[in-house]
Amino acid sequence: MNKNLLFVLTLIIIAAFAVNKATSQNPAYNLSAKNFQFMDFAGDGIDAMIFDIVIEHTNLAASGPFEFGFGSTILIFKMQYE
């Protein structure tokens, strides 16, 4: 029974990899950061940088319509100097 189970599991794994299909293409967008501003939130000097992350669709024919639902990015870096 143990050999039959091993055979069936091996067959399932091979079938899963055989059916798996992946395609790739070159990216058709530009990603950049713009509008840099240095801010003072704590009141003790410049302690924050605010910027816009821009995604620009460049080739509709190669990649189809550009779909981006929603994005919110928060980057926090805490540096401590001694």
PDB file of N, CA and C in Angstrom:
ATOM      1  N   MET A   1       0.826  -1.191   0.000  1.00  0.00           N
ATOM      2  CA  MET A   1       0.000   0.000   0.000  1.00  0.00           C
ATOM      3  C   MET A   1       0.870   1.254   0.000  1.00  0.00           C
ATOM      4  N   ASN A   2       1.971   1.204   0.677  1.00  0.00           N
ATOM      5  CA  ASN A   2       2.860   2.341   0.768  1.00  0.00           C
ATOM      6  C   ASN A   2       3.449   2.702  -0.598  1.00  0.00           C
ATOM      7  N   LYS A   3       3.771   1.658  -1.400  1.00  0.00           N
ATOM      8  CA  LYS A   3       4.306   1.914  -2.744  1.00  0.00           C
ATOM      9  C   LYS A   3       3.246   2.540  -3.647  1.00  0.00           C
ATOM     10  N   ASN A   4       2.006   2.107  -3.501  1.00  0.00           N
ATOM     11  CA  ASN A   4       0.925   2.674  -4.311  1.00  0.00           C
ATOM     12  C   ASN A   4       0.702   4.147  -3.983  1.00  0.00           C
ATOM     13  N   LEU A   5       0.756   4.482  -2.711  1.00  0.00           N
ATOM     14  CA  LEU A   5       0.587   5.873  -2.295  1.00  0.00           C
ATOM     15  C   LEU A   5       1.715   6.734  -2.836  1.00  0.00           C
ATOM     16  N   LEU A   6       2.943   6.249  -2.748  1.00  0.00           N
ATOM     17  CA  LEU A   6       4.094   6.981  -3.276  1.00  0.00           C
ATOM     18  C   LEU A   6       3.968   7.165  -4.786  1.00  0.00           C
ATOM     19  N   PHE A   7       3.517   6.127  -5.484  1.00  0.00           N
ATOM     20  CA  PHE A   7       3.338   6.217  -6.931  1.00  0.00           C
ATOM     21  C   PHE A   7       2.279   7.261  -7.295  1.00  0.00           C
ATOM     22  N   VAL A   8       1.169   7.268  -6.592  1.00  0.00           N
ATOM     23  CA  VAL A   8       0.088   8.220  -6.870  1.00  0.00           C
ATOM     24  C   VAL A   8       0.545   9.650  -6.580  1.00  0.00           C
ATOM     25  N   LEU A   9       1.228   9.862  -5.475  1.00  0.00           N
ATOM     26  CA  LEU A   9       1.727  11.208  -5.150  1.00  0.00           C
ATOM     27  C   LEU A   9       2.740  11.685  -6.190  1.00  0.00           C
ATOM     28  N   THR A  10       3.621  10.799  -6.615  1.00  0.00           N
ATOM     29  CA  THR A  10       4.591  11.159  -7.656  1.00  0.00           C
ATOM     30  C   THR A  10       3.875  11.511  -8.955  1.00  0.00           C
ATOM     31  N   LEU A  11       2.875  10.771  -9.303  1.00  0.00           N
ATOM     32  CA  LEU A  11       2.108  11.037 -10.518  1.00  0.00           C
ATOM     33  C   LEU A  11       1.387  12.381 -10.436  1.00  0.00           C
ATOM     34  N   ILE A  12       0.831  12.707  -9.278  1.00  0.00           N
ATOM     35  CA  ILE A  12       0.146  13.994  -9.086  1.00  0.00           C
ATOM     36  C   ILE A  12       1.131  15.148  -9.208  1.00  0.00           C
ATOM     37  N   ILE A  13       2.300  15.011  -8.624  1.00  0.00           N
ATOM     38  CA  ILE A  13       3.310  16.079  -8.700  1.00  0.00           C
ATOM     39  C   ILE A  13       3.784  16.275 -10.128  1.00  0.00           C
ATOM     40  N   ILE A  14       4.041  15.201 -10.829  1.00  0.00           N
ATOM     41  CA  ILE A  14       4.474  15.314 -12.238  1.00  0.00           C
ATOM     42  C   ILE A  14       3.378  15.958 -13.080  1.00  0.00           C
ATOM     43  N   ALA A  15       2.131  15.579 -12.857  1.00  0.00           N
ATOM     44  CA  ALA A  15       1.019  16.168 -13.613  1.00  0.00           C
ATOM     45  C   ALA A  15       0.872  17.654 -13.304  1.00  0.00           C
ATOM     46  N   ALA A  16       1.088  18.030 -12.052  1.00  0.00           N
ATOM     47  CA  ALA A  16       0.975  19.448 -11.690  1.00  0.00           C
ATOM     48  C   ALA A  16       2.042  20.278 -12.392  1.00  0.00           C
ATOM     49  N   PHE A  17       3.257  19.771 -12.474  1.00  0.00           N
ATOM     50  CA  PHE A  17       4.311  20.512 -13.166  1.00  0.00           C
ATOM     51  C   PHE A  17       4.127  20.504 -14.678  1.00  0.00           C
ATOM     52  N   ALA A  18       3.550  19.443 -15.225  1.00  0.00           N
ATOM     53  CA  ALA A  18       3.342  19.370 -16.673  1.00  0.00           C
ATOM     54  C   ALA A  18       2.255  20.331 -17.132  1.00  0.00           C
ATOM     55  N   VAL A  19       1.233  20.552 -16.315  1.00  0.00           N
ATOM     56  CA  VAL A  19       0.126  21.430 -16.669  1.00  0.00           C
ATOM     57  C   VAL A  19       0.469  22.893 -16.413  1.00  0.00           C
ATOM     58  N   ASN A  20       1.395  23.139 -15.512  1.00  0.00           N
ATOM     59  CA  ASN A  20       1.755  24.505 -15.139  1.00  0.00           C
ATOM     60  C   ASN A  20       2.273  25.263 -16.360  1.00  0.00           C
ATOM     61  N   LYS A  21       1.747  26.445 -16.585  1.00  0.00           N
ATOM     62  CA  LYS A  21       2.136  27.252 -17.734  1.00  0.00           C
ATOM     63  C   LYS A  21       2.502  28.643 -17.239  1.00  0.00           C
ATOM     64  N   ALA A  22       3.625  29.132 -17.684  1.00  0.00           N
ATOM     65  CA  ALA A  22       4.061  30.466 -17.288  1.00  0.00           C
ATOM     66  C   ALA A  22       4.517  31.232 -18.527  1.00  0.00           C
ATOM     67  N   THR A  23       4.127  32.480 -18.608  1.00  0.00           N
ATOM     68  CA  THR A  23       4.571  33.334 -19.697  1.00  0.00           C
ATOM     69  C   THR A  23       5.180  34.589 -19.094  1.00  0.00           C
ATOM     70  N   SER A  24       6.083  35.178 -19.832  1.00  0.00           N
ATOM     71  CA  SER A  24       6.697  36.417 -19.349  1.00  0.00           C
ATOM     72  C   SER A  24       6.832  37.389 -20.512  1.00  0.00           C
ATOM     73  N   GLN A  25       7.008  38.638 -20.167  1.00  0.00           N
ATOM     74  CA  GLN A  25       7.202  39.675 -21.169  1.00  0.00           C
ATOM     75  C   GLN A  25       8.051  40.771 -20.554  1.00  0.00           C
ATOM     76  N   ASN A  26       8.614  41.572 -21.413  1.00  0.00           N
ATOM     77  CA  ASN A  26       9.390  42.706 -20.924  1.00  0.00           C
ATOM     78  C   ASN A  26       8.444  43.737 -20.315  1.00  0.00           C
ATOM     79  N   PRO A  27       8.853  44.357 -19.242  1.00  0.00           N
ATOM     80  CA  PRO A  27       7.958  45.352 -18.635  1.00  0.00           C
ATOM     81  C   PRO A  27       7.688  46.507 -19.583  1.00  0.00           C
ATOM     82  N   ALA A  28       6.459  46.972 -19.586  1.00  0.00           N
ATOM     83  CA  ALA A  28       6.055  48.075 -20.447  1.00  0.00           C
ATOM     84  C   ALA A  28       5.652  49.269 -19.593  1.00  0.00           C
ATOM     85  N   TYR A  29       6.480  49.594 -18.630  1.00  0.00           N
ATOM     86  CA  TYR A  29       6.198  50.740 -17.772  1.00  0.00           C
ATOM     87  C   TYR A  29       7.510  51.328 -17.272  1.00  0.00           C
ATOM     88  N   ASN A  30       7.445  52.570 -16.847  1.00  0.00           N
ATOM     89  CA  ASN A  30       8.572  53.227 -16.197  1.00  0.00           C
ATOM     90  C   ASN A  30       8.191  53.503 -14.753  1.00  0.00           C
ATOM     91  N   LEU A  31       9.081  53.206 -13.857  1.00  0.00           N
ATOM     92  CA  LEU A  31       8.870  53.460 -12.440  1.00  0.00           C
ATOM     93  C   LEU A  31       9.887  54.496 -11.998  1.00  0.00           C
ATOM     94  N   SER A  32       9.390  55.593 -11.401  1.00  0.00           N
ATOM     95  CA  SER A  32      10.298  56.660 -10.980  1.00  0.00           C
ATOM     96  C   SER A  32       9.778  57.317  -9.712  1.00  0.00           C
ATOM     97  N   ALA A  33      10.661  58.059  -9.078  1.00  0.00           N
ATOM     98  CA  ALA A  33      10.300  58.839  -7.888  1.00  0.00           C
ATOM     99  C   ALA A  33      10.512  60.312  -8.221  1.00  0.00           C
ATOM    100  N   LYS A  34       9.534  61.141  -7.883  1.00  0.00           N
ATOM    101  CA  LYS A  34       9.581  62.566  -8.219  1.00  0.00           C
ATOM    102  C   LYS A  34       9.097  63.403  -7.044  1.00  0.00           C
ATOM    103  N   ASN A  35       9.249  64.701  -7.166  1.00  0.00           N
ATOM    104  CA  ASN A  35       8.737  65.686  -6.207  1.00  0.00           C
ATOM    105  C   ASN A  35       9.245  65.445  -4.776  1.00  0.00           C
ATOM    106  N   PHE A  36      10.551  65.430  -4.627  1.00  0.00           N
ATOM    107  CA  PHE A  36      11.155  65.225  -3.315  1.00  0.00           C
ATOM    108  C   PHE A  36      11.008  66.474  -2.454  1.00  0.00           C
ATOM    109  N   GLN A  37      10.555  66.296  -1.228  1.00  0.00           N
ATOM    110  CA  GLN A  37      10.432  67.388  -0.273  1.00  0.00           C
ATOM    111  C   GLN A  37      10.966  66.913   1.072  1.00  0.00           C
ATOM    112  N   PHE A  38      11.772  67.749   1.698  1.00  0.00           N
ATOM    113  CA  PHE A  38      12.271  67.439   3.028  1.00  0.00           C
ATOM    114  C   PHE A  38      11.430  68.198   4.044  1.00  0.00           C
ATOM    115  N   MET A  39      10.962  67.505   5.071  1.00  0.00           N
ATOM    116  CA  MET A  39      10.024  68.083   6.027  1.00  0.00           C
ATOM    117  C   MET A  39      10.575  67.976   7.449  1.00  0.00           C
ATOM    118  N   ASP A  40       9.996  68.780   8.335  1.00  0.00           N
ATOM    119  CA  ASP A  40      10.338  68.759   9.751  1.00  0.00           C
ATOM    120  C   ASP A  40       9.073  68.435  10.527  1.00  0.00           C
ATOM    121  N   PHE A  41       8.894  67.175  10.905  1.00  0.00           N
ATOM    122  CA  PHE A  41       7.701  66.766  11.634  1.00  0.00           C
ATOM    123  C   PHE A  41       7.884  66.831  13.146  1.00  0.00           C
ATOM    124  N   ALA A  42       9.089  66.584  13.630  1.00  0.00           N
ATOM    125  CA  ALA A  42       9.317  66.536  15.074  1.00  0.00           C
ATOM    126  C   ALA A  42       9.711  67.883  15.655  1.00  0.00           C
ATOM    127  N   GLY A  43      10.056  68.843  14.813  1.00  0.00           N
ATOM    128  CA  GLY A  43      10.429  70.164  15.296  1.00  0.00           C
ATOM    129  C   GLY A  43      11.892  70.310  15.669  1.00  0.00           C
ATOM    130  N   ASP A  44      12.708  69.322  15.304  1.00  0.00           N
ATOM    131  CA  ASP A  44      14.128  69.388  15.661  1.00  0.00           C
ATOM    132  C   ASP A  44      15.041  69.327  14.439  1.00  0.00           C
ATOM    133  N   GLY A  45      14.581  69.782  13.311  1.00  0.00           N
ATOM    134  CA  GLY A  45      15.374  69.742  12.080  1.00  0.00           C
ATOM    135  C   GLY A  45      14.705  68.861  11.046  1.00  0.00           C
ATOM    136  N   ILE A  46      15.358  68.676   9.937  1.00  0.00           N
ATOM    137  CA  ILE A  46      14.795  67.873   8.852  1.00  0.00           C
ATOM    138  C   ILE A  46      14.836  66.400   9.256  1.00  0.00           C
ATOM    139  N   ASP A  47      13.656  65.809   9.378  1.00  0.00           N
ATOM    140  CA  ASP A  47      13.598  64.415   9.800  1.00  0.00           C
ATOM    141  C   ASP A  47      12.700  63.547   8.907  1.00  0.00           C
ATOM    142  N   ALA A  48      12.230  64.071   7.786  1.00  0.00           N
ATOM    143  CA  ALA A  48      11.363  63.290   6.899  1.00  0.00           C
ATOM    144  C   ALA A  48      11.566  63.726   5.455  1.00  0.00           C
ATOM    145  N   MET A  49      11.355  62.794   4.553  1.00  0.00           N
ATOM    146  CA  MET A  49      11.406  63.079   3.120  1.00  0.00           C
ATOM    147  C   MET A  49      10.137  62.515   2.493  1.00  0.00           C
ATOM    148  N   ILE A  50       9.431  63.343   1.764  1.00  0.00           N
ATOM    149  CA  ILE A  50       8.191  62.957   1.103  1.00  0.00           C
ATOM    150  C   ILE A  50       8.427  62.995  -0.396  1.00  0.00           C
ATOM    151  N   PHE A  51       7.959  61.956  -1.102  1.00  0.00           N
ATOM    152  CA  PHE A  51       8.114  61.934  -2.554  1.00  0.00           C
ATOM    153  C   PHE A  51       6.978  61.128  -3.173  1.00  0.00           C
ATOM    154  N   ASP A  52       6.802  61.292  -4.484  1.00  0.00           N
ATOM    155  CA  ASP A  52       5.775  60.573  -5.237  1.00  0.00           C
ATOM    156  C   ASP A  52       6.425  59.429  -5.999  1.00  0.00           C
ATOM    157  N   ILE A  53       5.799  58.270  -5.967  1.00  0.00           N
ATOM    158  CA  ILE A  53       6.226  57.141  -6.791  1.00  0.00           C
ATOM    159  C   ILE A  53       5.304  57.118  -8.000  1.00  0.00           C
ATOM    160  N   VAL A  54       5.885  57.205  -9.198  1.00  0.00           N
ATOM    161  CA  VAL A  54       5.110  57.333 -10.434  1.00  0.00           C
ATOM    162  C   VAL A  54       5.307  56.079 -11.289  1.00  0.00           C
ATOM    163  N   ILE A  55       4.193  55.465 -11.725  1.00  0.00           N
ATOM    164  CA  ILE A  55       4.219  54.343 -12.659  1.00  0.00           C
ATOM    165  C   ILE A  55       3.627  54.851 -13.969  1.00  0.00           C
ATOM    166  N   GLU A  56       4.425  54.815 -15.042  1.00  0.00           N
ATOM    167  CA  GLU A  56       3.979  55.314 -16.347  1.00  0.00           C
ATOM    168  C   GLU A  56       3.912  54.149 -17.336  1.00  0.00           C
ATOM    169  N   HIS A  57       2.730  53.892 -17.896  1.00  0.00           N
ATOM    170  CA  HIS A  57       2.533  52.830 -18.879  1.00  0.00           C
ATOM    171  C   HIS A  57       3.098  53.295 -20.217  1.00  0.00           C
ATOM    172  N   THR A  58       3.971  52.495 -20.831  1.00  0.00           N
ATOM    173  CA  THR A  58       4.676  52.959 -22.025  1.00  0.00           C
ATOM    174  C   THR A  58       4.294  52.257 -23.320  1.00  0.00           C
ATOM    175  N   ASN A  59       3.734  51.046 -23.282  1.00  0.00           N
ATOM    176  CA  ASN A  59       3.473  50.336 -24.523  1.00  0.00           C
ATOM    177  C   ASN A  59       2.213  49.483 -24.391  1.00  0.00           C
ATOM    178  N   LEU A  60       1.105  50.024 -24.813  1.00  0.00           N
ATOM    179  CA  LEU A  60      -0.178  49.324 -24.705  1.00  0.00           C
ATOM    180  C   LEU A  60      -0.208  48.065 -25.566  1.00  0.00           C
ATOM    181  N   ALA A  61       0.408  48.088 -26.738  1.00  0.00           N
ATOM    182  CA  ALA A  61       0.360  46.938 -27.649  1.00  0.00           C
ATOM    183  C   ALA A  61       1.107  45.730 -27.073  1.00  0.00           C
ATOM    184  N   ALA A  62       2.183  45.945 -26.334  1.00  0.00           N
ATOM    185  CA  ALA A  62       2.984  44.834 -25.816  1.00  0.00           C
ATOM    186  C   ALA A  62       2.385  44.203 -24.572  1.00  0.00           C
ATOM    187  N   SER A  63       1.773  45.000 -23.718  1.00  0.00           N
ATOM    188  CA  SER A  63       1.341  44.465 -22.430  1.00  0.00           C
ATOM    189  C   SER A  63      -0.161  44.543 -22.182  1.00  0.00           C
ATOM    190  N   GLY A  64      -0.920  45.099 -23.092  1.00  0.00           N
ATOM    191  CA  GLY A  64      -2.358  45.215 -22.886  1.00  0.00           C
ATOM    192  C   GLY A  64      -2.685  46.385 -21.976  1.00  0.00           C
ATOM    193  N   PRO A  65      -3.925  46.485 -21.559  1.00  0.00           N
ATOM    194  CA  PRO A  65      -4.308  47.625 -20.717  1.00  0.00           C
ATOM    195  C   PRO A  65      -3.618  47.568 -19.356  1.00  0.00           C
ATOM    196  N   PHE A  66      -3.273  48.728 -18.867  1.00  0.00           N
ATOM    197  CA  PHE A  66      -2.598  48.835 -17.575  1.00  0.00           C
ATOM    198  C   PHE A  66      -3.641  48.844 -16.472  1.00  0.00           C
ATOM    199  N   GLU A  67      -3.515  47.921 -15.532  1.00  0.00           N
ATOM    200  CA  GLU A  67      -4.469  47.830 -14.434  1.00  0.00           C
ATOM    201  C   GLU A  67      -3.718  47.898 -13.121  1.00  0.00           C
ATOM    202  N   PHE A  68      -4.085  48.850 -12.314  1.00  0.00           N
ATOM    203  CA  PHE A  68      -3.492  49.005 -10.990  1.00  0.00           C
ATOM    204  C   PHE A  68      -4.598  49.440 -10.056  1.00  0.00           C
ATOM    205  N   GLY A  69      -4.972  48.584  -9.136  1.00  0.00           N
ATOM    206  CA  GLY A  69      -6.126  48.853  -8.290  1.00  0.00           C
ATOM    207  C   GLY A  69      -5.892  49.938  -7.261  1.00  0.00           C
ATOM    208  N   PHE A  70      -4.937  49.716  -6.390  1.00  0.00           N
ATOM    209  CA  PHE A  70      -4.698  50.657  -5.307  1.00  0.00           C
ATOM    210  C   PHE A  70      -3.321  50.366  -4.732  1.00  0.00           C
ATOM    211  N   GLY A  71      -2.628  51.404  -4.355  1.00  0.00           N
ATOM    212  CA  GLY A  71      -1.330  51.206  -3.736  1.00  0.00           C
ATOM    213  C   GLY A  71      -1.078  52.234  -2.664  1.00  0.00           C
ATOM    214  N   SER A  72      -0.560  51.793  -1.572  1.00  0.00           N
ATOM    215  CA  SER A  72      -0.163  52.683  -0.500  1.00  0.00           C
ATOM    216  C   SER A  72       1.161  52.172   0.031  1.00  0.00           C
ATOM    217  N   THR A  73       2.167  53.005  -0.018  1.00  0.00           N
ATOM    218  CA  THR A  73       3.498  52.587   0.392  1.00  0.00           C
ATOM    219  C   THR A  73       3.989  53.474   1.523  1.00  0.00           C
ATOM    220  N   ILE A  74       4.425  52.856   2.582  1.00  0.00           N
ATOM    221  CA  ILE A  74       4.997  53.593   3.707  1.00  0.00           C
ATOM    222  C   ILE A  74       6.383  53.015   3.965  1.00  0.00           C
ATOM    223  N   LEU A  75       7.385  53.846   3.861  1.00  0.00           N
ATOM    224  CA  LEU A  75       8.765  53.436   4.121  1.00  0.00           C
ATOM    225  C   LEU A  75       9.231  54.157   5.378  1.00  0.00           C
ATOM    226  N   ILE A  76       9.635  53.422   6.363  1.00  0.00           N
ATOM    227  CA  ILE A  76      10.089  54.018   7.612  1.00  0.00           C
ATOM    228  C   ILE A  76      11.513  53.545   7.881  1.00  0.00           C
ATOM    229  N   PHE A  77      12.415  54.493   8.043  1.00  0.00           N
ATOM    230  CA  PHE A  77      13.800  54.191   8.371  1.00  0.00           C
ATOM    231  C   PHE A  77      14.133  54.908   9.667  1.00  0.00           C
ATOM    232  N   LYS A  78      14.573  54.184  10.644  1.00  0.00           N
ATOM    233  CA  LYS A  78      14.968  54.797  11.912  1.00  0.00           C
ATOM    234  C   LYS A  78      16.478  54.694  12.033  1.00  0.00           C
ATOM    235  N   MET A  79      17.132  55.821  11.926  1.00  0.00           N
ATOM    236  CA  MET A  79      18.583  55.863  12.042  1.00  0.00           C
ATOM    237  C   MET A  79      18.963  56.516  13.357  1.00  0.00           C
ATOM    238  N   GLN A  80      19.939  55.947  14.006  1.00  0.00           N
ATOM    239  CA  GLN A  80      20.376  56.505  15.259  1.00  0.00           C
ATOM    240  C   GLN A  80      21.885  56.683  15.213  1.00  0.00           C
ATOM    241  N   TYR A  81      22.324  57.891  15.420  1.00  0.00           N
ATOM    242  CA  TYR A  81      23.755  58.193  15.416  1.00  0.00           C
ATOM    243  C   TYR A  81      24.230  58.400  16.839  1.00  0.00           C
ATOM    244  N   GLU A  82      25.372  57.864  17.139  1.00  0.00           N
ATOM    245  CA  GLU A  82      25.929  58.036  18.488  1.00  0.00           C
ATOM    246  C   GLU A  82      27.197  58.857  18.435  1.00  0.00           C
TER     247      GLU A  82
END
